[in-house]
Amino acid sequence: MTRGVGFYLVGSLVLVSLAGCGRGFFQSAEREPWRAEAEVACLKSGAVKENPDLVRISPISGPGVCGAQFPLKVAALGESSGTFGFADDDLRPPASIGNQPRWPVAPPILEEIYNMEDALAFGGCCISLLNHADRVTAACLAQLVNVIAPIMTETGGPAWRQTIFHPFAQASRFAHGQVLRANVESDSFSATGQHSLSNLLATVIYDETSGRIAVFALNRSTDATNLTVDLPGFGKRRLLFASELHHQNLKAENTLAAPHTVEPRTREDVTASADGIHARLEPLSWNVFVTEPA
């Protein structure tokens, strides 16, 4: 069954993105004992000396690099302080600490595997952040590799992209400029705590420098949808990029053995003209369309 949706543009807003150490995700993790031992050994070695610009503060709770038993507050950097390293200094640490190797290798931890369902949720988050760019000045993706991350690796092996990598990469690539206020017209559905949610979650970004318009559209319906995007006032346009992320199995994952199970495919059947963009959206799919002046 195929339904129709459309949206129109009104005013404008703006965007930003990236990095840090999260909290909620790590509540069940424990900090490895060797990290505290390494801190003690470092302080005892005399390599780091407290001074007015380097003051010890209260312990920071958190696993791995997110915590510290003896954290130091750094108030200044520069040649006047001999305790701080620069690019031409020897690598740190200068030797083994305790029974740990020179550069301790952390064991696998929180290596979550994400599926197609997660990619849709992630894409929806990206769209929501963009649509609230008047209040969200920075949106961070704290972990990038292995630990609850969009990229996976194996020791001595290759790296591959998890499903959630693709919406993030496309948003990073094309979401530059002003976020236009879109009026969405589509069927709706209900969910726990929500009486009416639009089947189509979408955002539109206009890059004044290049003249490009990027449309991110998440079809949350289990039915295919005919999409029409009206772009009044932007003149005749041509399609620069059209992509779809869709898989019939919402539990499908990308693995070392099958790294390309879930990945975007180029759309050849999308049209762009003076009256807007026309496309068919697969059920439960993430879609990106980019146009430029013709």
Protein backbone atom coordinates (compact mmCIF):
# COMPACT_ATOMS: atom_id res chain seq x y z
CA MET A 1 0.00 0.00 0.00
CA THR A 2 1.36 3.45 -0.91
CA ARG A 3 0.41 6.71 0.78
CA GLY A 4 1.22 10.31 -0.11
CA VAL A 5 2.91 12.99 1.98
CA GLY A 6 4.30 16.44 1.35
CA PHE A 7 5.78 19.41 3.12
CA TYR A 8 6.28 23.10 2.56
CA LEU A 9 8.83 25.65 3.74
CA VAL A 10 8.44 28.69 5.96
CA GLY A 11 11.26 30.65 7.88
CA SER A 12 14.80 29.61 8.89
CA LEU A 13 17.28 28.69 11.72
CA VAL A 14 20.94 27.21 12.10
CA LEU A 15 23.19 24.08 13.13
CA VAL A 16 26.46 22.59 14.61
CA SER A 17 27.87 19.01 15.69
CA LEU A 18 30.51 16.42 17.47
CA ALA A 19 32.66 14.71 20.59
CA GLY A 20 33.05 13.95 24.49
CA CYS A 21 32.60 11.44 27.41
CA GLY A 22 28.99 10.40 28.13
CA ARG A 23 27.45 9.33 31.44
CA GLY A 24 24.15 7.53 31.17
CA PHE A 25 25.53 4.82 28.90
CA PHE A 26 28.27 3.85 31.37
CA GLN A 27 26.40 3.36 34.63
CA SER A 28 27.09 -0.39 34.75
CA ALA A 29 30.77 -0.24 33.75
CA GLU A 30 33.66 -0.38 36.23
CA ARG A 31 37.00 1.38 36.05
CA GLU A 32 39.95 -0.99 35.64
CA PRO A 33 42.18 -1.16 38.80
CA TRP A 34 45.36 -0.57 36.80
CA ARG A 35 44.26 2.93 35.92
CA ALA A 36 44.34 4.08 39.57
CA GLU A 37 47.66 2.26 40.04
CA ALA A 38 49.05 4.10 37.01
CA GLU A 39 47.96 7.46 38.45
CA VAL A 40 49.69 6.71 41.77
CA ALA A 41 52.87 5.58 40.00
CA CYS A 42 52.87 8.70 37.85
CA LEU A 43 52.54 11.04 40.84
CA LYS A 44 55.22 9.16 42.80
CA SER A 45 57.63 9.29 39.85
CA GLY A 46 57.81 13.08 40.08
CA ALA A 47 57.08 13.48 36.38
CA VAL A 48 54.09 15.66 37.33
CA LYS A 49 54.55 18.31 40.03
CA GLU A 50 51.74 20.28 41.57
CA ASN A 51 52.03 24.07 41.40
CA PRO A 52 49.66 27.06 41.31
CA ASP A 53 48.73 26.18 37.73
CA LEU A 54 48.42 22.44 38.34
CA VAL A 55 46.16 21.64 41.31
CA ARG A 56 44.76 18.29 42.43
CA ILE A 57 40.95 18.20 42.63
CA SER A 58 38.31 15.72 43.86
CA PRO A 59 38.13 12.26 42.23
CA ILE A 60 36.00 11.96 39.09
CA SER A 61 33.68 8.94 38.98
CA GLY A 62 33.53 7.05 35.68
CA PRO A 63 34.89 4.01 33.83
CA GLY A 64 38.07 3.94 31.77
CA VAL A 65 39.34 7.32 30.61
CA CYS A 66 36.10 8.94 31.80
CA GLY A 67 37.22 8.75 35.46
CA ALA A 68 40.26 9.68 37.53
CA GLN A 69 41.29 8.95 41.12
CA PHE A 70 43.71 11.88 41.27
CA PRO A 71 42.59 14.40 38.62
CA LEU A 72 44.54 17.63 38.17
CA LYS A 73 43.10 21.01 37.27
CA VAL A 74 45.28 22.69 34.62
CA ALA A 75 45.06 26.49 34.79
CA ALA A 76 47.81 27.45 32.33
CA LEU A 77 49.88 26.15 29.44
CA GLY A 78 53.05 27.60 27.99
CA GLU A 79 56.81 27.63 28.01
CA SER A 80 56.89 29.06 31.54
CA SER A 81 55.67 25.73 32.88
CA GLY A 82 58.15 22.91 32.53
CA THR A 83 55.66 20.22 33.54
CA PHE A 84 53.65 20.28 30.32
CA GLY A 85 54.62 18.33 27.21
CA PHE A 86 54.80 19.68 23.69
CA ALA A 87 54.88 18.09 20.24
CA ASP A 88 58.68 17.72 20.22
CA ASP A 89 58.84 16.06 23.67
CA ASP A 90 59.42 12.33 24.13
CA LEU A 91 56.32 10.16 23.99
CA ARG A 92 54.47 9.62 27.28
CA PRO A 93 54.57 7.51 29.33
CA PRO A 94 58.38 7.23 29.16
CA ALA A 95 58.35 3.61 30.41
CA SER A 96 56.14 0.82 31.69
CA ILE A 97 53.87 1.64 34.65
CA GLY A 98 53.54 -1.21 37.12
CA ASN A 99 52.99 -4.48 35.22
CA GLN A 100 51.28 -2.60 32.38
CA PRO A 101 52.96 -2.18 28.98
CA ARG A 102 54.22 1.23 27.86
CA TRP A 103 50.87 1.96 26.18
CA PRO A 104 48.20 -0.13 27.98
CA VAL A 105 45.60 -1.63 25.65
CA ALA A 106 42.07 -1.54 27.02
CA PRO A 107 40.00 -4.74 26.79
CA PRO A 108 36.78 -4.81 24.72
CA ILE A 109 34.02 -2.97 26.61
CA LEU A 110 30.50 -1.83 25.71
CA GLU A 111 30.89 -2.96 22.10
CA GLU A 112 27.22 -2.60 21.20
CA ILE A 113 26.05 -3.93 17.85
CA TYR A 114 23.52 -1.73 16.06
CA ASN A 115 20.90 -2.85 13.53
CA MET A 116 18.63 -1.24 10.93
CA GLU A 117 16.13 -0.30 13.62
CA ASP A 118 18.86 1.59 15.47
CA ALA A 119 19.86 3.41 12.28
CA LEU A 120 16.30 4.70 11.88
CA ALA A 121 16.22 5.87 15.50
CA PHE A 122 19.61 7.54 15.09
CA GLY A 123 18.48 9.29 11.91
CA GLY A 124 15.36 10.49 13.70
CA CYS A 125 17.54 11.98 16.44
CA CYS A 126 19.62 13.82 13.83
CA ILE A 127 16.48 15.30 12.27
CA SER A 128 15.08 16.33 15.67
CA LEU A 129 18.34 18.05 16.61
CA LEU A 130 18.39 19.91 13.29
CA ASN A 131 14.77 20.99 13.66
CA HIS A 132 15.62 22.48 17.06
CA ALA A 133 18.81 24.21 15.95
CA ASP A 134 17.52 27.47 17.41
CA ARG A 135 18.04 25.91 20.86
CA VAL A 136 20.67 23.19 20.25
CA THR A 137 24.04 24.85 19.64
CA ALA A 138 26.12 21.65 19.75
CA ALA A 139 25.19 17.97 19.44
CA CYS A 140 27.88 15.46 20.47
CA LEU A 141 28.63 11.90 19.43
CA ALA A 142 30.98 10.94 22.26
CA GLN A 143 32.31 7.53 21.23
CA LEU A 144 33.39 6.94 17.63
CA VAL A 145 35.13 3.53 17.53
CA ASN A 146 34.07 0.23 19.18
CA VAL A 147 32.60 1.60 22.44
CA ILE A 148 28.88 2.24 21.70
CA ALA A 149 30.17 3.59 18.39
CA PRO A 150 29.38 3.87 14.66
CA ILE A 151 32.68 2.24 13.64
CA MET A 152 33.89 -1.24 14.68
CA THR A 153 37.36 -2.77 14.54
CA GLU A 154 39.16 -5.92 15.60
CA THR A 155 42.73 -6.08 16.89
CA GLY A 156 44.98 -6.60 13.90
CA GLY A 157 41.94 -6.72 11.63
CA PRO A 158 39.89 -4.37 9.45
CA ALA A 159 37.35 -1.70 10.40
CA TRP A 160 33.74 -1.58 9.24
CA ARG A 161 30.76 0.75 9.52
CA GLN A 162 27.84 -0.01 11.81
CA THR A 163 24.33 0.83 10.60
CA ILE A 164 24.18 4.07 12.62
CA PHE A 165 27.31 5.36 10.85
CA HIS A 166 25.37 6.20 7.68
CA PRO A 167 22.76 8.70 8.98
CA PHE A 168 25.47 10.45 11.00
CA ALA A 169 27.89 10.61 8.06
CA GLN A 170 25.24 11.97 5.69
CA ALA A 171 24.04 14.56 8.21
CA SER A 172 27.67 15.63 8.76
CA ARG A 173 28.23 15.87 5.01
CA PHE A 174 25.09 17.72 3.93
CA ALA A 175 23.60 19.52 6.97
CA HIS A 176 25.35 22.86 6.48
CA GLY A 177 23.64 26.24 6.44
CA GLN A 178 20.18 27.28 7.57
CA VAL A 179 17.54 24.85 8.80
CA LEU A 180 14.30 25.81 7.08
CA ARG A 181 11.02 25.52 8.93
CA ALA A 182 9.02 22.79 7.16
CA ASN A 183 5.25 22.28 7.28
CA VAL A 184 4.72 18.53 7.04
CA GLU A 185 1.46 17.02 5.83
CA SER A 186 1.18 13.25 6.26
CA ASP A 187 -0.81 10.54 7.98
CA SER A 188 -0.05 9.96 11.64
CA PHE A 189 0.23 7.19 14.20
CA SER A 190 0.03 6.94 17.97
CA ALA A 191 2.65 5.67 20.42
CA THR A 192 3.03 5.39 24.18
CA GLY A 193 2.62 8.87 25.60
CA GLN A 194 1.99 10.37 22.15
CA HIS A 195 -1.50 10.56 20.65
CA SER A 196 -0.44 11.71 17.20
CA LEU A 197 2.95 11.49 15.49
CA SER A 198 3.55 12.23 11.81
CA ASN A 199 4.54 9.25 9.67
CA LEU A 200 7.09 11.54 8.05
CA LEU A 201 9.87 13.10 10.12
CA ALA A 202 11.81 15.55 7.98
CA THR A 203 14.14 18.53 7.92
CA VAL A 204 15.39 20.82 5.14
CA ILE A 205 18.71 22.68 5.13
CA TYR A 206 19.62 25.53 2.79
CA ASP A 207 23.28 26.35 2.15
CA GLU A 208 23.32 29.95 0.97
CA THR A 209 26.95 29.73 -0.18
CA SER A 210 26.47 26.84 -2.61
CA GLY A 211 22.73 27.25 -3.17
CA ARG A 212 22.21 23.60 -2.25
CA ILE A 213 19.15 22.33 -0.42
CA ALA A 214 19.36 19.06 1.53
CA VAL A 215 16.25 17.15 2.54
CA PHE A 216 16.42 14.45 5.22
CA ALA A 217 13.26 12.34 5.34
CA LEU A 218 12.52 9.47 7.73
CA ASN A 219 9.52 7.38 6.74
CA ARG A 220 8.21 5.97 10.04
CA SER A 221 5.32 4.19 8.37
CA THR A 222 5.21 0.46 7.58
CA ASP A 223 3.76 1.49 4.18
CA ALA A 224 5.61 2.93 1.21
CA THR A 225 5.05 6.68 0.79
CA ASN A 226 4.99 9.07 -2.16
CA LEU A 227 6.90 12.19 -1.13
CA THR A 228 6.49 15.67 -2.60
CA VAL A 229 8.67 18.51 -1.36
CA ASP A 230 7.57 21.99 -2.44
CA LEU A 231 10.43 24.53 -2.60
CA PRO A 232 8.74 27.85 -3.40
CA GLY A 233 11.01 30.75 -4.19
CA PHE A 234 14.12 28.68 -4.95
CA GLY A 235 13.64 28.50 -8.72
CA LYS A 236 14.46 25.63 -11.05
CA ARG A 237 16.62 22.96 -9.46
CA ARG A 238 18.47 19.78 -10.39
CA LEU A 239 19.13 16.69 -8.31
CA LEU A 240 22.69 16.39 -7.04
CA PHE A 241 22.37 13.45 -4.63
CA ALA A 242 19.67 10.93 -3.72
CA SER A 243 20.16 8.13 -1.20
CA GLU A 244 18.06 5.59 0.66
CA LEU A 245 18.87 3.46 3.74
CA HIS A 246 16.41 0.57 3.95
CA HIS A 247 16.37 -3.12 4.81
CA GLN A 248 13.37 -5.43 5.04
CA ASN A 249 14.80 -6.95 8.22
CA LEU A 250 14.89 -4.33 10.98
CA LYS A 251 17.28 -6.54 12.94
CA ALA A 252 19.84 -6.66 10.09
CA GLU A 253 23.39 -5.76 11.20
CA ASN A 254 26.76 -5.05 9.66
CA THR A 255 29.44 -7.50 10.81
CA LEU A 256 33.07 -8.31 10.08
CA ALA A 257 31.90 -11.15 7.81
CA ALA A 258 29.16 -9.07 6.16
CA PRO A 259 30.05 -5.37 6.51
CA HIS A 260 27.73 -4.12 3.74
CA THR A 261 24.44 -5.71 4.81
CA VAL A 262 22.91 -2.33 5.69
CA GLU A 263 24.19 0.63 3.72
CA PRO A 264 22.75 3.47 1.62
CA ARG A 265 21.90 2.91 -2.01
CA THR A 266 21.80 5.58 -4.71
CA ARG A 267 18.34 6.48 -5.96
CA GLU A 268 17.93 6.89 -9.71
CA ASP A 269 14.15 7.41 -9.72
CA VAL A 270 13.95 10.72 -7.82
CA THR A 271 13.06 13.88 -9.76
CA ALA A 272 13.71 17.55 -9.00
CA SER A 273 12.21 20.50 -10.87
CA ALA A 274 10.92 24.02 -10.35
CA ASP A 275 7.97 22.67 -8.38
CA GLY A 276 10.11 20.64 -5.95
CA ILE A 277 11.27 17.07 -5.31
CA HIS A 278 9.27 13.91 -6.01
CA ALA A 279 10.25 10.50 -4.63
CA ARG A 280 8.87 7.21 -3.35
CA LEU A 281 9.96 6.34 0.18
CA GLU A 282 10.27 2.71 1.18
CA PRO A 283 8.59 1.65 4.44
CA LEU A 284 10.70 2.43 7.53
CA SER A 285 13.51 4.12 5.62
CA TRP A 286 16.02 6.97 5.97
CA ASN A 287 16.32 9.14 2.86
CA VAL A 288 18.53 12.05 1.78
CA PHE A 289 17.97 14.29 -1.25
CA VAL A 290 20.23 17.18 -2.25
CA THR A 291 19.43 19.68 -5.01
CA GLU A 292 21.26 22.65 -6.46
CA PRO A 293 20.27 25.51 -8.78
CA ALA A 294 19.82 24.29 -12.35
